[in-house]
Amino acid sequence: MKLKYLSVLVAAGVATSAVASEKKTWEANAELGAIITSGNTETTTFKGALNVKHNLENWNNEYKLDGIYKEDEVEKDDGTKVTERTNEKYFASAQGNYKLNEENAHLFVYGSYLSDYFGAYRQEAVVSGGYGLRLLDTDTMVLNAEIGPGYKYFQYPDDSTEVGDDGELLADEWEGEVIALAKADYTWQISEGAKFTQLVAMEYGSTNTKTRSETALLTKINGSLQMKVGFNVTHNSDVADDKENTDTETALTLVYNF
């Protein structure tokens, strides 16, 4: 069940390929990576993602699925070794961009859901809307920016040590707050076979400010297949004492474009 989600990403990518061949308005890519080691150290890591874009006359829509699952061999106090889950995270989002008469400008509506078993917050759901503008558009570089209000509904982990205003533990509790969302998305086509991307997004709220950075370098292997090196950073301003403010992820994956 744990790995079923990642299998669905690949299966969905294959199904999307058939649709994309009939409708040129669809673009999609599927991403998959795996690391399995044995011997002195045993680890298992799976990462998958699916990105779909639908370009219409008045709308540009984008859908994303992403997941990672990791197991590591750990040594107990008595010296025995057992395999434990050390990371499991799933993310889904959808965004619709309505094109304005103003060149390279749009209004957007966005929704996302995050399930993170080892993160600062167990679950997060975000809805937002706002205004977007392309700030840079050349033959090799594109920079888009978006800003707008939103609402976040989030759940504290069941082992959280955070305490509410009433002095009670917030473990497993849900809270919500109004947020301000800002995002910048940069793409640099270095050459015909290499591309650099940088995404920076911030969700500012009274309880927590979440900042996310996604950096990637993609190199073409053949017409449809690319190798991707990615480095992601997520920073939460307010977390429990037993949690780290910053999470990082480095991944090497293959990307297939449909």
C-alpha atoms as a PDB file:
ATOM      1  CA  MET A   1       0.000   0.000   0.000  1.00  0.00           C
ATOM      2  CA  LYS A   2       2.888   2.312   0.809  1.00  0.00           C
ATOM      3  CA  LEU A   3       4.377   1.981  -2.705  1.00  0.00           C
ATOM      4  CA  LYS A   4       1.055   1.730  -4.534  1.00  0.00           C
ATOM      5  CA  TYR A   5       0.808   5.514  -4.773  1.00  0.00           C
ATOM      6  CA  LEU A   6       4.106   5.775  -6.639  1.00  0.00           C
ATOM      7  CA  SER A   7       3.027   3.024  -9.051  1.00  0.00           C
ATOM      8  CA  VAL A   8      -0.139   5.001  -9.790  1.00  0.00           C
ATOM      9  CA  LEU A   9       1.996   7.993 -10.862  1.00  0.00           C
ATOM     10  CA  VAL A  10       3.718   5.934 -13.554  1.00  0.00           C
ATOM     11  CA  ALA A  11       0.478   4.271 -14.679  1.00  0.00           C
ATOM     12  CA  ALA A  12      -1.215   7.653 -14.908  1.00  0.00           C
ATOM     13  CA  GLY A  13       1.659   8.926 -17.004  1.00  0.00           C
ATOM     14  CA  VAL A  14       1.244   6.090 -19.497  1.00  0.00           C
ATOM     15  CA  ALA A  15      -2.484   6.762 -19.751  1.00  0.00           C
ATOM     16  CA  THR A  16      -1.821  10.463 -20.284  1.00  0.00           C
ATOM     17  CA  SER A  17       0.470   9.632 -23.207  1.00  0.00           C
ATOM     18  CA  ALA A  18      -2.480   8.303 -25.192  1.00  0.00           C
ATOM     19  CA  VAL A  19      -4.482  11.465 -24.531  1.00  0.00           C
ATOM     20  CA  ALA A  20      -1.556  13.746 -25.372  1.00  0.00           C
ATOM     21  CA  SER A  21      -1.126  12.092 -28.779  1.00  0.00           C
ATOM     22  CA  GLU A  22      -4.722  13.000 -29.704  1.00  0.00           C
ATOM     23  CA  LYS A  23      -4.862  16.474 -28.197  1.00  0.00           C
ATOM     24  CA  LYS A  24      -1.915  18.734 -28.765  1.00  0.00           C
ATOM     25  CA  THR A  25      -3.139  20.984 -25.972  1.00  0.00           C
ATOM     26  CA  TRP A  26      -1.902  18.434 -23.409  1.00  0.00           C
ATOM     27  CA  GLU A  27       1.685  18.231 -22.125  1.00  0.00           C
ATOM     28  CA  ALA A  28       2.849  15.728 -19.522  1.00  0.00           C
ATOM     29  CA  ASN A  29       5.958  14.228 -17.957  1.00  0.00           C
ATOM     30  CA  ALA A  30       6.479  11.405 -15.493  1.00  0.00           C
ATOM     31  CA  GLU A  31       9.416  11.210 -13.090  1.00  0.00           C
ATOM     32  CA  LEU A  32      10.730   8.106 -11.350  1.00  0.00           C
ATOM     33  CA  GLY A  33      13.754   7.291  -9.207  1.00  0.00           C
ATOM     34  CA  ALA A  34      14.751   4.434  -6.912  1.00  0.00           C
ATOM     35  CA  ILE A  35      17.706   3.607  -4.640  1.00  0.00           C
ATOM     36  CA  ILE A  36      18.030   0.145  -3.090  1.00  0.00           C
ATOM     37  CA  THR A  37      21.142  -0.934  -1.163  1.00  0.00           C
ATOM     38  CA  SER A  38      21.997  -4.087   0.763  1.00  0.00           C
ATOM     39  CA  GLY A  39      24.944  -5.511   2.671  1.00  0.00           C
ATOM     40  CA  ASN A  40      26.367  -3.486   5.544  1.00  0.00           C
ATOM     41  CA  THR A  41      23.627  -0.904   5.056  1.00  0.00           C
ATOM     42  CA  GLU A  42      20.126  -1.585   3.793  1.00  0.00           C
ATOM     43  CA  THR A  43      18.028   1.249   2.411  1.00  0.00           C
ATOM     44  CA  THR A  44      15.108   1.518   0.013  1.00  0.00           C
ATOM     45  CA  THR A  45      13.989   4.782  -1.549  1.00  0.00           C
ATOM     46  CA  PHE A  46      11.321   5.378  -4.196  1.00  0.00           C
ATOM     47  CA  LYS A  47      10.383   8.742  -5.690  1.00  0.00           C
ATOM     48  CA  GLY A  48       7.769   9.464  -8.335  1.00  0.00           C
ATOM     49  CA  ALA A  49       6.046  12.480  -9.842  1.00  0.00           C
ATOM     50  CA  LEU A  50       3.581  13.352 -12.584  1.00  0.00           C
ATOM     51  CA  ASN A  51       3.109  16.829 -14.085  1.00  0.00           C
ATOM     52  CA  VAL A  52       0.329  17.583 -16.573  1.00  0.00           C
ATOM     53  CA  LYS A  53      -0.417  20.857 -18.367  1.00  0.00           C
ATOM     54  CA  HIS A  54      -3.580  21.617 -20.334  1.00  0.00           C
ATOM     55  CA  ASN A  55      -3.420  24.671 -22.597  1.00  0.00           C
ATOM     56  CA  LEU A  56      -6.784  26.018 -23.768  1.00  0.00           C
ATOM     57  CA  GLU A  57      -7.893  29.195 -25.486  1.00  0.00           C
ATOM     58  CA  ASN A  58      -8.642  31.072 -22.257  1.00  0.00           C
ATOM     59  CA  TRP A  59      -7.140  28.800 -19.627  1.00  0.00           C
ATOM     60  CA  ASN A  60      -3.784  27.224 -18.800  1.00  0.00           C
ATOM     61  CA  ASN A  61      -4.249  24.451 -16.240  1.00  0.00           C
ATOM     62  CA  GLU A  62      -1.598  22.482 -14.367  1.00  0.00           C
ATOM     63  CA  TYR A  63      -1.869  19.320 -12.258  1.00  0.00           C
ATOM     64  CA  LYS A  64       0.873  17.780 -10.110  1.00  0.00           C
ATOM     65  CA  LEU A  65       1.358  14.575  -8.146  1.00  0.00           C
ATOM     66  CA  ASP A  66       4.494  13.816  -6.151  1.00  0.00           C
ATOM     67  CA  GLY A  67       5.512  11.131  -3.699  1.00  0.00           C
ATOM     68  CA  ILE A  68       8.526   9.756  -1.859  1.00  0.00           C
ATOM     69  CA  TYR A  69       8.902   6.662   0.314  1.00  0.00           C
ATOM     70  CA  LYS A  70      12.048   5.594   2.192  1.00  0.00           C
ATOM     71  CA  GLU A  71      13.051   2.736   4.479  1.00  0.00           C
ATOM     72  CA  ASP A  72      16.344   2.452   6.383  1.00  0.00           C
ATOM     73  CA  GLU A  73      17.940  -0.233   8.482  1.00  0.00           C
ATOM     74  CA  VAL A  74      18.383   1.076  12.041  1.00  0.00           C
ATOM     75  CA  GLU A  75      20.113  -0.450  15.043  1.00  0.00           C
ATOM     76  CA  LYS A  76      18.185  -0.751  18.306  1.00  0.00           C
ATOM     77  CA  ASP A  77      19.663  -0.282  21.780  1.00  0.00           C
ATOM     78  CA  ASP A  78      20.056  -4.038  22.165  1.00  0.00           C
ATOM     79  CA  GLY A  79      22.133  -4.267  18.990  1.00  0.00           C
ATOM     80  CA  THR A  80      19.462  -5.782  16.748  1.00  0.00           C
ATOM     81  CA  LYS A  81      18.841  -4.280  13.318  1.00  0.00           C
ATOM     82  CA  VAL A  82      15.360  -3.607  11.986  1.00  0.00           C
ATOM     83  CA  THR A  83      14.005  -1.878   8.887  1.00  0.00           C
ATOM     84  CA  GLU A  84      11.932   1.196   9.609  1.00  0.00           C
ATOM     85  CA  ARG A  85      10.115   3.761   7.498  1.00  0.00           C
ATOM     86  CA  THR A  86      12.073   7.019   7.713  1.00  0.00           C
ATOM     87  CA  ASN A  87      10.303   9.181   5.130  1.00  0.00           C
ATOM     88  CA  GLU A  88       6.885   9.109   3.481  1.00  0.00           C
ATOM     89  CA  LYS A  89       5.346  12.114   1.806  1.00  0.00           C
ATOM     90  CA  TYR A  90       2.674  12.653  -0.854  1.00  0.00           C
ATOM     91  CA  PHE A  91       1.633  15.885  -2.550  1.00  0.00           C
ATOM     92  CA  ALA A  92      -1.112  16.809  -5.030  1.00  0.00           C
ATOM     93  CA  SER A  93      -2.040  20.180  -6.516  1.00  0.00           C
ATOM     94  CA  ALA A  94      -4.170  21.732  -9.241  1.00  0.00           C
ATOM     95  CA  GLN A  95      -4.035  25.258 -10.628  1.00  0.00           C
ATOM     96  CA  GLY A  96      -6.145  27.043 -13.212  1.00  0.00           C
ATOM     97  CA  ASN A  97      -4.828  30.195 -14.884  1.00  0.00           C
ATOM     98  CA  TYR A  98      -7.315  32.440 -16.677  1.00  0.00           C
ATOM     99  CA  LYS A  99      -5.648  34.525 -19.390  1.00  0.00           C
ATOM    100  CA  LEU A 100      -6.218  38.278 -19.250  1.00  0.00           C
ATOM    101  CA  ASN A 101      -6.194  40.704 -22.126  1.00  0.00           C
ATOM    102  CA  GLU A 102      -3.008  42.150 -20.688  1.00  0.00           C
ATOM    103  CA  GLU A 103      -0.050  40.373 -22.298  1.00  0.00           C
ATOM    104  CA  ASN A 104       1.423  37.511 -20.196  1.00  0.00           C
ATOM    105  CA  ALA A 105      -0.937  38.204 -17.264  1.00  0.00           C
ATOM    106  CA  HIS A 106      -3.466  35.883 -15.644  1.00  0.00           C
ATOM    107  CA  LEU A 107      -5.738  35.291 -12.697  1.00  0.00           C
ATOM    108  CA  PHE A 108      -5.226  31.990 -10.906  1.00  0.00           C
ATOM    109  CA  VAL A 109      -7.029  29.642  -8.552  1.00  0.00           C
ATOM    110  CA  TYR A 110      -4.948  27.044  -6.725  1.00  0.00           C
ATOM    111  CA  GLY A 111      -5.491  24.104  -4.411  1.00  0.00           C
ATOM    112  CA  SER A 112      -3.060  21.619  -2.860  1.00  0.00           C
ATOM    113  CA  TYR A 113      -2.882  18.793  -0.345  1.00  0.00           C
ATOM    114  CA  LEU A 114       0.207  17.476   1.477  1.00  0.00           C
ATOM    115  CA  SER A 115       0.495  14.323   3.578  1.00  0.00           C
ATOM    116  CA  ASP A 116       3.852  14.153   5.390  1.00  0.00           C
ATOM    117  CA  TYR A 117       4.400  11.463   8.014  1.00  0.00           C
ATOM    118  CA  PHE A 118       7.705  12.936   9.248  1.00  0.00           C
ATOM    119  CA  GLY A 119       7.325  16.659   8.569  1.00  0.00           C
ATOM    120  CA  ALA A 120       6.667  19.632  10.800  1.00  0.00           C
ATOM    121  CA  TYR A 121       2.933  19.211  10.113  1.00  0.00           C
ATOM    122  CA  ARG A 122       1.138  15.918   9.455  1.00  0.00           C
ATOM    123  CA  GLN A 123      -1.264  17.227   6.795  1.00  0.00           C
ATOM    124  CA  GLU A 124      -1.779  20.535   5.001  1.00  0.00           C
ATOM    125  CA  ALA A 125      -4.500  21.746   2.633  1.00  0.00           C
ATOM    126  CA  VAL A 126      -4.258  25.105   0.854  1.00  0.00           C
ATOM    127  CA  VAL A 127      -6.669  27.033  -1.366  1.00  0.00           C
ATOM    128  CA  SER A 128      -5.765  30.400  -2.863  1.00  0.00           C
ATOM    129  CA  GLY A 129      -6.315  32.763  -5.755  1.00  0.00           C
ATOM    130  CA  GLY A 130      -4.632  35.841  -7.133  1.00  0.00           C
ATOM    131  CA  TYR A 131      -2.775  37.557  -9.943  1.00  0.00           C
ATOM    132  CA  GLY A 132       0.145  36.315 -12.022  1.00  0.00           C
ATOM    133  CA  LEU A 133       2.501  38.061 -14.445  1.00  0.00           C
ATOM    134  CA  ARG A 134       5.398  37.032 -16.669  1.00  0.00           C
ATOM    135  CA  LEU A 135       8.284  39.315 -15.700  1.00  0.00           C
ATOM    136  CA  LEU A 136      10.872  37.953 -18.134  1.00  0.00           C
ATOM    137  CA  ASP A 137      10.381  36.334 -21.535  1.00  0.00           C
ATOM    138  CA  THR A 138      13.337  35.769 -23.854  1.00  0.00           C
ATOM    139  CA  ASP A 139      14.381  32.991 -26.220  1.00  0.00           C
ATOM    140  CA  THR A 140      16.134  31.140 -23.374  1.00  0.00           C
ATOM    141  CA  MET A 141      14.715  32.517 -20.106  1.00  0.00           C
ATOM    142  CA  VAL A 142      11.259  32.815 -18.579  1.00  0.00           C
ATOM    143  CA  LEU A 143      10.322  34.233 -15.154  1.00  0.00           C
ATOM    144  CA  ASN A 144       6.756  34.076 -13.844  1.00  0.00           C
ATOM    145  CA  ALA A 145       5.497  35.548 -10.555  1.00  0.00           C
ATOM    146  CA  GLU A 146       2.230  35.152  -8.651  1.00  0.00           C
ATOM    147  CA  ILE A 147       0.737  36.664  -5.517  1.00  0.00           C
ATOM    148  CA  GLY A 148      -2.592  36.392  -3.743  1.00  0.00           C
ATOM    149  CA  PRO A 149      -4.520  35.556  -0.551  1.00  0.00           C
ATOM    150  CA  GLY A 150      -5.410  32.054   0.574  1.00  0.00           C
ATOM    151  CA  TYR A 151      -6.430  29.803   3.416  1.00  0.00           C
ATOM    152  CA  LYS A 152      -4.476  26.930   4.980  1.00  0.00           C
ATOM    153  CA  TYR A 153      -5.914  24.091   7.051  1.00  0.00           C
ATOM    154  CA  PHE A 154      -3.268  21.962   8.781  1.00  0.00           C
ATOM    155  CA  GLN A 155      -2.883  19.143  11.301  1.00  0.00           C
ATOM    156  CA  TYR A 156      -0.198  18.816  13.968  1.00  0.00           C
ATOM    157  CA  PRO A 157       1.638  15.455  14.190  1.00  0.00           C
ATOM    158  CA  ASP A 158       0.249  12.991  16.734  1.00  0.00           C
ATOM    159  CA  ASP A 159       3.516  13.240  18.690  1.00  0.00           C
ATOM    160  CA  SER A 160       3.735  17.049  18.583  1.00  0.00           C
ATOM    161  CA  THR A 161       4.961  18.800  21.729  1.00  0.00           C
ATOM    162  CA  GLU A 162       3.509  22.188  20.752  1.00  0.00           C
ATOM    163  CA  VAL A 163       1.110  23.762  23.244  1.00  0.00           C
ATOM    164  CA  GLY A 164      -1.893  25.970  22.455  1.00  0.00           C
ATOM    165  CA  ASP A 165      -2.983  29.182  24.148  1.00  0.00           C
ATOM    166  CA  ASP A 166      -5.004  27.141  26.643  1.00  0.00           C
ATOM    167  CA  GLY A 167      -1.915  25.166  27.681  1.00  0.00           C
ATOM    168  CA  GLU A 168      -3.138  21.940  26.060  1.00  0.00           C
ATOM    169  CA  LEU A 169      -1.021  19.860  23.695  1.00  0.00           C
ATOM    170  CA  LEU A 170      -1.834  20.391  20.022  1.00  0.00           C
ATOM    171  CA  ALA A 171      -0.908  16.830  19.014  1.00  0.00           C
ATOM    172  CA  ASP A 172      -3.218  15.553  16.242  1.00  0.00           C
ATOM    173  CA  GLU A 173      -5.264  18.785  16.335  1.00  0.00           C
ATOM    174  CA  TRP A 174      -6.371  20.742  13.254  1.00  0.00           C
ATOM    175  CA  GLU A 175      -6.048  24.513  12.845  1.00  0.00           C
ATOM    176  CA  GLY A 176      -6.699  26.972  10.034  1.00  0.00           C
ATOM    177  CA  GLU A 177      -5.549  30.456   9.124  1.00  0.00           C
ATOM    178  CA  VAL A 178      -5.608  33.057   6.374  1.00  0.00           C
ATOM    179  CA  ILE A 179      -2.329  33.227   4.461  1.00  0.00           C
ATOM    180  CA  ALA A 180      -0.623  35.341   1.809  1.00  0.00           C
ATOM    181  CA  LEU A 181       0.908  33.334  -1.017  1.00  0.00           C
ATOM    182  CA  ALA A 182       3.744  34.412  -3.308  1.00  0.00           C
ATOM    183  CA  LYS A 183       5.614  32.410  -5.942  1.00  0.00           C
ATOM    184  CA  ALA A 184       8.385  32.939  -8.505  1.00  0.00           C
ATOM    185  CA  ASP A 185       9.127  30.346 -11.205  1.00  0.00           C
ATOM    186  CA  TYR A 186      12.275  30.664 -13.340  1.00  0.00           C
ATOM    187  CA  THR A 187      13.327  28.553 -16.348  1.00  0.00           C
ATOM    188  CA  TRP A 188      16.611  28.818 -18.250  1.00  0.00           C
ATOM    189  CA  GLN A 189      17.090  26.769 -21.416  1.00  0.00           C
ATOM    190  CA  ILE A 190      20.879  26.514 -21.218  1.00  0.00           C
ATOM    191  CA  SER A 191      21.190  24.580 -24.465  1.00  0.00           C
ATOM    192  CA  GLU A 192      19.129  22.268 -26.630  1.00  0.00           C
ATOM    193  CA  GLY A 193      19.836  19.389 -24.254  1.00  0.00           C
ATOM    194  CA  ALA A 194      20.039  21.138 -20.847  1.00  0.00           C
ATOM    195  CA  LYS A 195      17.562  23.144 -18.771  1.00  0.00           C
ATOM    196  CA  PHE A 196      17.733  24.783 -15.331  1.00  0.00           C
ATOM    197  CA  THR A 197      14.625  25.515 -13.241  1.00  0.00           C
ATOM    198  CA  GLN A 198      14.148  27.355  -9.956  1.00  0.00           C
ATOM    199  CA  LEU A 199      10.911  27.667  -8.003  1.00  0.00           C
ATOM    200  CA  VAL A 200      10.538  29.717  -4.815  1.00  0.00           C
ATOM    201  CA  ALA A 201       7.179  29.823  -3.007  1.00  0.00           C
ATOM    202  CA  MET A 202       6.110  31.305   0.329  1.00  0.00           C
ATOM    203  CA  GLU A 203       2.945  30.890   2.406  1.00  0.00           C
ATOM    204  CA  TYR A 204       2.875  33.612   5.050  1.00  0.00           C
ATOM    205  CA  GLY A 205       0.558  33.093   8.034  1.00  0.00           C
ATOM    206  CA  SER A 206       0.251  34.202  11.634  1.00  0.00           C
ATOM    207  CA  THR A 207       0.978  30.691  12.972  1.00  0.00           C
ATOM    208  CA  ASN A 208       3.695  29.659  10.536  1.00  0.00           C
ATOM    209  CA  THR A 209       5.470  30.910   7.434  1.00  0.00           C
ATOM    210  CA  LYS A 210       6.437  28.168   5.020  1.00  0.00           C
ATOM    211  CA  THR A 211       9.094  28.790   2.371  1.00  0.00           C
ATOM    212  CA  ARG A 212       9.829  26.258  -0.337  1.00  0.00           C
ATOM    213  CA  SER A 213      12.658  26.166  -2.886  1.00  0.00           C
ATOM    214  CA  GLU A 214      12.922  23.655  -5.734  1.00  0.00           C
ATOM    215  CA  THR A 215      16.101  23.690  -7.826  1.00  0.00           C
ATOM    216  CA  ALA A 216      16.636  21.318 -10.750  1.00  0.00           C
ATOM    217  CA  LEU A 217      18.966  20.667 -13.670  1.00  0.00           C
ATOM    218  CA  LEU A 218      17.656  18.513 -16.510  1.00  0.00           C
ATOM    219  CA  THR A 219      19.782  17.026 -19.275  1.00  0.00           C
ATOM    220  CA  LYS A 220      18.383  15.258 -22.331  1.00  0.00           C
ATOM    221  CA  ILE A 221      19.262  11.592 -22.873  1.00  0.00           C
ATOM    222  CA  ASN A 222      17.182  11.178 -26.041  1.00  0.00           C
ATOM    223  CA  GLY A 223      14.120  12.756 -27.610  1.00  0.00           C
ATOM    224  CA  SER A 224      11.746  12.023 -24.714  1.00  0.00           C
ATOM    225  CA  LEU A 225      13.959  10.956 -21.803  1.00  0.00           C
ATOM    226  CA  GLN A 226      15.825  13.287 -19.446  1.00  0.00           C
ATOM    227  CA  MET A 227      17.975  12.931 -16.345  1.00  0.00           C
ATOM    228  CA  LYS A 228      17.104  15.277 -13.504  1.00  0.00           C
ATOM    229  CA  VAL A 229      19.149  16.363 -10.506  1.00  0.00           C
ATOM    230  CA  GLY A 230      16.954  18.130  -7.960  1.00  0.00           C
ATOM    231  CA  PHE A 231      17.520  19.866  -4.640  1.00  0.00           C
ATOM    232  CA  ASN A 232      14.485  20.893  -2.579  1.00  0.00           C
ATOM    233  CA  VAL A 233      14.424  22.929   0.635  1.00  0.00           C
ATOM    234  CA  THR A 234      11.362  23.454   2.859  1.00  0.00           C
ATOM    235  CA  HIS A 235      11.552  25.860   5.813  1.00  0.00           C
ATOM    236  CA  ASN A 236       8.847  26.313   8.459  1.00  0.00           C
ATOM    237  CA  SER A 237       9.285  29.297  10.783  1.00  0.00           C
ATOM    238  CA  ASP A 238       7.388  27.764  13.695  1.00  0.00           C
ATOM    239  CA  VAL A 239       7.707  24.073  14.593  1.00  0.00           C
ATOM    240  CA  ALA A 240       7.690  21.931  17.747  1.00  0.00           C
ATOM    241  CA  ASP A 241      10.891  21.740  19.801  1.00  0.00           C
ATOM    242  CA  ASP A 242      11.524  18.169  18.637  1.00  0.00           C
ATOM    243  CA  LYS A 243      11.270  19.121  14.934  1.00  0.00           C
ATOM    244  CA  GLU A 244      13.764  20.778  12.594  1.00  0.00           C
ATOM    245  CA  ASN A 245      12.780  24.023  10.884  1.00  0.00           C
ATOM    246  CA  THR A 246      14.384  23.049   7.589  1.00  0.00           C
ATOM    247  CA  ASP A 247      14.001  19.876   5.528  1.00  0.00           C
ATOM    248  CA  THR A 248      16.134  19.174   2.450  1.00  0.00           C
ATOM    249  CA  GLU A 249      15.863  16.587  -0.302  1.00  0.00           C
ATOM    250  CA  THR A 250      18.370  15.723  -3.032  1.00  0.00           C
ATOM    251  CA  ALA A 251      17.209  13.392  -5.804  1.00  0.00           C
ATOM    252  CA  LEU A 252      18.466  11.921  -9.070  1.00  0.00           C
ATOM    253  CA  THR A 253      15.584  10.768 -11.276  1.00  0.00           C
ATOM    254  CA  LEU A 254      14.609   9.979 -14.855  1.00  0.00           C
ATOM    255  CA  VAL A 255      11.930  12.102 -16.540  1.00  0.00           C
ATOM    256  CA  TYR A 256       9.883  10.919 -19.505  1.00  0.00           C
ATOM    257  CA  ASN A 257       8.101  13.575 -21.593  1.00  0.00           C
ATOM    258  CA  PHE A 258       4.881  12.697 -23.406  1.00  0.00           C
END
